[in-house]
Amino acid sequence: MAIRVAVDAMGGDHAPEMVIPGVIRALEKDSELEIHLFGQEDQLHSLLSGSSRPIERLRLIHAPEVIGMGESPGAALKNKPDSSIHRGLESCRRGETAAFVSAGNTGAVMAASLFILGRQAGVKRPSLVGYFPTLQGHCILLDAGANVDCKPEHLVQFAKMGSVYVKKTRRKENPSIGLMNIGEEPGKGNEQAKKTYELLDKEEALNFVGNIEGRDVLRHAADIVIADGYVGNIMLKFGESVAVVVPQMVGAEMSRIGMSPEDQQVVARALKGVRDRFDFQEYGGAPLLGVNGTVIIGHGGSNDLAFENMVTHAAEMVREHVTESISDALSA
């Protein structure tokens, strides 16, 4: 059965130029995929006419307005009802498409998703997924920045939604869950952390392994790391900086000690392999869990590879019925 994915062609620092080749590759890779591309028709037709590959299963839908990366989400939501974000999400609400993908204004995508699709039954706060490479592959982080202020019951819901997501998309039957804290022992942390620990410890359906510290994340202390969006976003941005700054530090040190160019090239190749594991382009965007539909939000700097992986990831979530399974888990 065909899976239709709505794509915001105008969202991102390099849109729509990077969107077109990305979605075409996704279509070539998945014969059951269909793309509804929302954006300014003149630009999209011009880019598609220059493609050397035949384009099938791709439909253009005109959306005359564009929400800029720096615009206020509230103002954009009110003043630009014909934006590519609005029209793409409306197609999901009407059931014309099964998922929505955008690398546009994150706040606007989240606000519009809540306004147009609404929350799933029982969900108090939708949560944004983040990713960290680890010694055993990677772990996910909830929340990555959608909710700056959280109550303990919100964090417990993040754990439940994250557990479903990992089971369905990572094929891990009993994923471990760790609570980000300033110490491993029960009773550590602020009042939010203490109460969250108590609640998670009572959830028999969750594989809660206790508190974990920041130094444990890259060692894969848990498959799922739980934190409020304030802490989670700081962690995520710090992780992004590691991939850029550490190779620069190593390069400066190699020059300082006079390492030969040949040896520097060997080290540089190894560093590239590590840096690539932090590359957001590879992870297929950040799912917004807890809304009535499948929504993937990409990094503003997404290139064609990132768009390809976002579309593929969205289709996988639809196939695995992630949204429906989250509803089942929360109702249980």
Protein backbone atom coordinates (compact mmCIF):
# COMPACT_ATOMS: atom_id res chain seq x y z
CA MET A 1 0.00 0.00 0.00
CA ALA A 2 1.29 3.45 -0.91
CA ILE A 3 2.51 5.70 1.87
CA ARG A 4 2.02 9.39 1.15
CA VAL A 5 4.38 11.82 2.89
CA ALA A 6 3.84 15.59 2.86
CA VAL A 7 7.11 17.52 2.55
CA ASP A 8 7.62 21.22 3.25
CA ALA A 9 9.69 22.23 0.22
CA MET A 10 10.33 25.75 1.52
CA GLY A 11 11.61 24.96 5.02
CA GLY A 12 15.32 25.10 5.84
CA ASP A 13 18.39 27.17 5.11
CA HIS A 14 18.95 25.40 1.77
CA ALA A 15 15.36 24.93 0.62
CA PRO A 16 14.04 24.21 -1.89
CA GLU A 17 17.31 23.40 -3.71
CA MET A 18 18.30 20.63 -1.26
CA VAL A 19 14.77 19.29 -0.87
CA ILE A 20 14.25 18.18 -4.47
CA PRO A 21 17.21 15.78 -4.85
CA GLY A 22 16.59 14.39 -1.37
CA VAL A 23 12.95 13.47 -1.97
CA ILE A 24 13.73 12.07 -5.43
CA ARG A 25 16.31 9.69 -3.93
CA ALA A 26 13.81 8.66 -1.26
CA LEU A 27 11.28 7.86 -4.00
CA GLU A 28 13.85 5.82 -5.93
CA LYS A 29 14.69 3.86 -2.79
CA ASP A 30 11.08 3.05 -1.79
CA SER A 31 8.64 1.90 -4.48
CA GLU A 32 5.65 2.26 -2.12
CA LEU A 33 6.37 5.89 -1.31
CA GLU A 34 4.51 8.91 -2.68
CA ILE A 35 5.52 12.52 -2.01
CA HIS A 36 3.23 15.54 -1.84
CA LEU A 37 5.56 18.53 -2.10
CA PHE A 38 4.21 21.81 -0.70
CA GLY A 39 5.74 25.09 -1.81
CA GLN A 40 5.85 27.85 -4.38
CA GLU A 41 5.05 26.15 -7.67
CA ASP A 42 7.20 28.33 -9.93
CA GLN A 43 10.36 27.57 -7.97
CA LEU A 44 9.60 23.89 -7.68
CA HIS A 45 8.74 23.44 -11.36
CA SER A 46 11.96 25.21 -12.31
CA LEU A 47 14.07 22.92 -10.12
CA LEU A 48 12.27 19.77 -11.21
CA SER A 49 12.61 20.62 -14.89
CA GLY A 50 16.38 20.60 -14.46
CA SER A 51 16.42 17.09 -12.99
CA SER A 52 18.03 14.45 -15.18
CA ARG A 53 16.07 11.63 -13.53
CA PRO A 54 12.44 10.68 -14.22
CA ILE A 55 10.19 11.81 -11.38
CA GLU A 56 7.32 9.52 -10.51
CA ARG A 57 4.98 9.45 -7.53
CA LEU A 58 5.67 13.13 -6.86
CA ARG A 59 2.85 15.67 -6.69
CA LEU A 60 3.29 19.44 -6.33
CA ILE A 61 0.82 21.43 -4.23
CA HIS A 62 1.04 25.21 -4.37
CA ALA A 63 1.63 26.97 -1.06
CA PRO A 64 2.28 30.67 -1.75
CA GLU A 65 3.48 31.72 1.71
CA VAL A 66 6.78 30.88 3.39
CA ILE A 67 7.47 31.00 7.12
CA GLY A 68 11.00 32.30 7.64
CA MET A 69 13.47 30.64 9.99
CA GLY A 70 13.56 33.69 12.25
CA GLU A 71 9.84 34.48 12.36
CA SER A 72 7.80 34.35 15.54
CA PRO A 73 5.94 31.01 15.60
CA GLY A 74 2.82 32.63 17.04
CA ALA A 75 2.70 35.40 14.45
CA ALA A 76 3.43 32.97 11.59
CA LEU A 77 0.70 30.62 12.75
CA LYS A 78 -1.82 33.47 12.71
CA ASN A 79 -0.73 35.47 9.69
CA LYS A 80 0.37 32.83 7.16
CA PRO A 81 -2.41 30.25 6.78
CA ASP A 82 -1.28 29.46 3.22
CA SER A 83 2.28 28.56 4.16
CA SER A 84 3.88 25.28 3.13
CA ILE A 85 3.86 24.24 6.81
CA HIS A 86 0.15 24.90 7.24
CA ARG A 87 -0.93 23.26 4.01
CA GLY A 88 1.26 20.20 4.53
CA LEU A 89 -0.09 19.63 8.04
CA GLU A 90 -3.65 20.23 6.86
CA SER A 91 -3.19 17.43 4.32
CA CYS A 92 -2.24 15.13 7.21
CA ARG A 93 -5.27 16.20 9.25
CA ARG A 94 -7.56 15.41 6.32
CA GLY A 95 -5.93 12.02 5.80
CA GLU A 96 -4.56 12.86 2.35
CA THR A 97 -1.03 12.18 3.60
CA ALA A 98 0.21 10.01 6.45
CA ALA A 99 3.18 12.08 7.64
CA PHE A 100 4.69 15.56 7.46
CA VAL A 101 8.37 16.45 7.07
CA SER A 102 9.93 19.91 7.45
CA ALA A 103 13.32 21.45 8.13
CA GLY A 104 11.72 24.85 8.59
CA ASN A 105 11.16 27.05 11.63
CA THR A 106 11.08 24.50 14.48
CA GLY A 107 8.83 26.57 16.72
CA ALA A 108 6.37 27.17 13.90
CA VAL A 109 6.25 23.47 12.96
CA MET A 110 5.63 22.45 16.58
CA ALA A 111 2.99 25.15 17.13
CA ALA A 112 1.22 24.37 13.86
CA SER A 113 1.33 20.62 14.57
CA LEU A 114 -0.39 21.16 17.91
CA PHE A 115 -2.92 23.59 16.46
CA ILE A 116 -3.77 21.61 13.31
CA LEU A 117 -3.26 17.98 14.34
CA GLY A 118 -3.79 18.29 18.08
CA ARG A 119 -2.42 16.11 20.85
CA GLN A 120 -3.05 12.40 21.09
CA ALA A 121 -5.58 11.39 23.71
CA GLY A 122 -3.99 11.50 27.15
CA VAL A 123 -0.82 13.28 26.04
CA LYS A 124 0.00 16.23 28.26
CA ARG A 125 3.05 17.46 26.35
CA PRO A 126 4.35 16.29 22.95
CA SER A 127 8.07 15.64 23.00
CA LEU A 128 10.89 16.11 20.48
CA VAL A 129 13.39 13.27 20.02
CA GLY A 130 17.14 13.89 19.90
CA TYR A 131 19.97 11.45 19.14
CA PHE A 132 23.39 10.78 20.62
CA PRO A 133 26.04 8.44 19.18
CA THR A 134 27.33 5.97 21.76
CA LEU A 135 29.83 3.13 22.05
CA GLN A 136 26.96 0.78 21.21
CA GLY A 137 25.33 2.68 18.35
CA HIS A 138 23.16 5.52 19.56
CA CYS A 139 20.62 6.45 22.20
CA ILE A 140 17.68 8.82 22.05
CA LEU A 141 16.94 11.84 24.21
CA LEU A 142 13.51 13.10 25.24
CA ASP A 143 12.88 15.98 25.45
CA ALA A 144 15.24 17.72 23.03
CA GLY A 145 13.75 21.18 23.44
CA ALA A 146 9.98 21.21 22.93
CA ASN A 147 9.20 21.65 26.64
CA VAL A 148 11.45 23.88 28.72
CA ASP A 149 9.42 23.51 31.93
CA CYS A 150 8.18 20.03 32.77
CA LYS A 151 6.37 18.33 35.61
CA PRO A 152 7.38 14.81 36.69
CA GLU A 153 4.31 13.28 35.04
CA HIS A 154 5.35 14.85 31.74
CA LEU A 155 8.75 13.16 31.96
CA VAL A 156 7.09 9.82 32.66
CA GLN A 157 5.03 10.23 29.50
CA PHE A 158 8.19 11.04 27.55
CA ALA A 159 9.61 7.73 28.78
CA LYS A 160 6.51 5.83 27.65
CA MET A 161 6.46 7.46 24.22
CA GLY A 162 10.21 6.97 23.79
CA SER A 163 9.94 3.31 24.74
CA VAL A 164 7.33 2.73 22.02
CA TYR A 165 9.39 4.64 19.47
CA VAL A 166 12.54 2.58 20.14
CA LYS A 167 10.62 -0.70 20.10
CA LYS A 168 9.05 0.10 16.75
CA THR A 169 11.89 1.81 14.88
CA ARG A 170 14.97 0.23 16.50
CA ARG A 171 13.45 -3.24 16.96
CA LYS A 172 14.51 -3.33 20.61
CA GLU A 173 11.89 -5.13 22.68
CA ASN A 174 12.72 -3.85 26.17
CA PRO A 175 14.66 -0.58 25.84
CA SER A 176 16.37 0.73 28.95
CA ILE A 177 15.43 4.17 30.30
CA GLY A 178 17.68 6.45 32.31
CA LEU A 179 16.81 9.73 34.06
CA MET A 180 19.36 12.50 33.53
CA ASN A 181 20.54 13.69 36.94
CA ILE A 182 23.52 15.01 38.88
CA GLY A 183 24.16 11.67 40.56
CA GLU A 184 23.28 8.00 40.20
CA GLU A 185 21.86 7.43 43.67
CA PRO A 186 18.09 7.63 44.30
CA GLY A 187 17.24 10.87 46.07
CA LYS A 188 19.72 12.95 44.08
CA GLY A 189 18.75 16.07 42.15
CA ASN A 190 16.07 18.72 42.46
CA GLU A 191 12.45 18.09 43.43
CA GLN A 192 11.45 17.44 39.82
CA ALA A 193 14.11 14.73 39.45
CA LYS A 194 13.31 13.08 42.79
CA LYS A 195 9.59 12.87 42.06
CA THR A 196 10.19 11.67 38.50
CA TYR A 197 12.44 8.90 39.82
CA GLU A 198 9.70 7.76 42.19
CA LEU A 199 7.10 7.67 39.41
CA LEU A 200 9.33 5.90 36.89
CA ASP A 201 10.36 3.33 39.48
CA LYS A 202 6.70 2.34 39.88
CA GLU A 203 6.13 1.84 36.14
CA GLU A 204 6.40 -1.94 35.77
CA ALA A 205 5.95 -1.77 31.99
CA LEU A 206 9.09 0.38 31.62
CA ASN A 207 12.68 -0.83 31.89
CA PHE A 208 13.81 2.00 34.16
CA VAL A 209 17.51 1.66 35.11
CA GLY A 210 17.68 4.70 37.42
CA ASN A 211 19.57 7.97 37.30
CA ILE A 212 22.39 8.53 34.85
CA GLU A 213 24.91 11.35 34.66
CA GLY A 214 26.07 13.36 31.67
CA ARG A 215 29.33 11.44 31.47
CA ASP A 216 27.39 8.19 31.00
CA VAL A 217 25.45 9.14 27.86
CA LEU A 218 28.13 8.37 25.26
CA ARG A 219 28.90 5.11 27.09
CA HIS A 220 25.31 4.05 26.39
CA ALA A 221 24.10 3.92 29.98
CA ALA A 222 20.55 3.69 28.60
CA ASP A 223 18.74 3.37 25.29
CA ILE A 224 16.52 6.31 26.22
CA VAL A 225 17.62 9.36 28.21
CA ILE A 226 14.88 11.39 29.90
CA ALA A 227 15.26 15.10 30.68
CA ASP A 228 13.20 18.26 30.43
CA GLY A 229 13.62 20.30 27.27
CA TYR A 230 15.83 22.87 28.98
CA VAL A 231 18.47 20.32 29.95
CA GLY A 232 17.90 18.22 26.82
CA ASN A 233 18.46 21.06 24.40
CA ILE A 234 21.66 22.11 26.17
CA MET A 235 22.89 18.52 25.91
CA LEU A 236 21.99 18.36 22.22
CA LYS A 237 23.73 21.63 21.32
CA PHE A 238 26.81 20.61 23.30
CA GLY A 239 26.90 17.31 21.39
CA GLU A 240 26.74 19.18 18.08
CA SER A 241 29.70 21.32 19.13
CA VAL A 242 31.79 18.27 20.05
CA ALA A 243 31.70 17.04 16.46
CA VAL A 244 33.10 20.36 15.23
CA VAL A 245 35.43 21.57 17.98
CA VAL A 246 37.24 18.36 18.98
CA PRO A 247 38.64 17.75 15.45
CA GLN A 248 39.80 21.38 15.40
CA MET A 249 41.53 20.92 18.75
CA VAL A 250 43.21 17.72 17.58
CA GLY A 251 44.31 19.43 14.35
CA ALA A 252 45.87 22.31 16.27
CA GLU A 253 47.66 19.88 18.59
CA MET A 254 49.01 17.79 15.70
CA SER A 255 50.50 20.94 14.17
CA ARG A 256 51.92 22.06 17.50
CA ILE A 257 53.85 18.82 18.06
CA GLY A 258 55.05 18.74 14.46
CA MET A 259 53.28 15.60 13.30
CA SER A 260 54.05 14.72 9.69
CA PRO A 261 51.39 15.47 7.04
CA GLU A 262 51.03 11.74 6.35
CA ASP A 263 50.34 10.94 10.00
CA GLN A 264 47.95 13.88 10.24
CA GLN A 265 45.96 12.46 7.33
CA VAL A 266 45.61 9.11 9.11
CA VAL A 267 44.35 10.80 12.28
CA ALA A 268 42.04 13.05 10.24
CA ARG A 269 40.41 9.99 8.65
CA ALA A 270 39.76 8.49 12.07
CA LEU A 271 38.35 11.77 13.34
CA LYS A 272 36.06 12.01 10.34
CA GLY A 273 34.57 8.64 11.22
CA VAL A 274 33.84 9.86 14.74
CA ARG A 275 32.50 13.22 13.53
CA ASP A 276 30.15 11.49 11.08
CA ARG A 277 28.50 9.67 13.98
CA PHE A 278 27.45 13.06 15.36
CA ASP A 279 26.16 14.25 11.98
CA PHE A 280 22.47 15.18 12.24
CA GLN A 281 22.04 14.50 8.51
CA GLU A 282 22.30 10.76 9.14
CA TYR A 283 19.55 10.43 11.74
CA GLY A 284 16.47 11.26 9.69
CA GLY A 285 15.23 14.25 11.64
CA ALA A 286 13.57 14.57 15.04
CA PRO A 287 10.12 13.02 15.46
CA LEU A 288 7.58 15.08 17.41
CA LEU A 289 5.93 12.37 19.52
CA GLY A 290 2.50 12.86 21.03
CA VAL A 291 0.66 14.68 18.23
CA ASN A 292 -2.14 13.15 16.16
CA GLY A 293 0.07 12.23 13.25
CA THR A 294 3.64 11.54 12.20
CA VAL A 295 5.72 14.73 12.18
CA ILE A 296 9.47 14.86 11.50
CA ILE A 297 11.38 18.10 12.13
CA GLY A 298 14.78 18.48 10.51
CA HIS A 299 17.77 20.68 11.30
CA GLY A 300 17.65 24.08 9.60
CA GLY A 301 20.92 23.33 7.83
CA SER A 302 19.64 20.07 6.30
CA ASN A 303 21.13 19.00 2.97
CA ASP A 304 19.77 16.55 0.39
CA LEU A 305 20.93 13.52 2.41
CA ALA A 306 19.08 14.81 5.45
CA PHE A 307 15.85 15.26 3.48
CA GLU A 308 16.17 11.78 1.99
CA ASN A 309 16.60 10.28 5.46
CA MET A 310 13.77 12.36 6.94
CA VAL A 311 11.31 11.13 4.33
CA THR A 312 12.49 7.52 4.74
CA HIS A 313 12.21 7.82 8.52
CA ALA A 314 8.68 9.24 8.28
CA ALA A 315 7.59 6.34 6.04
CA GLU A 316 9.09 3.84 8.49
CA MET A 317 7.18 5.37 11.41
CA VAL A 318 3.93 5.12 9.42
CA ARG A 319 4.61 1.49 8.50
CA GLU A 320 5.37 0.61 12.12
CA HIS A 321 2.25 2.41 13.41
CA VAL A 322 4.25 4.38 15.96
CA THR A 323 1.55 7.00 16.59
CA GLU A 324 -1.16 4.38 17.12
CA SER A 325 1.11 2.34 19.40
CA ILE A 326 1.80 5.39 21.55
CA SER A 327 -1.95 5.86 22.01
CA ASP A 328 -2.26 2.21 23.04
CA ALA A 329 0.61 2.49 25.52
CA LEU A 330 -0.75 5.63 27.16
CA SER A 331 -4.30 4.29 27.41
CA ALA A 332 -2.97 1.09 29.02
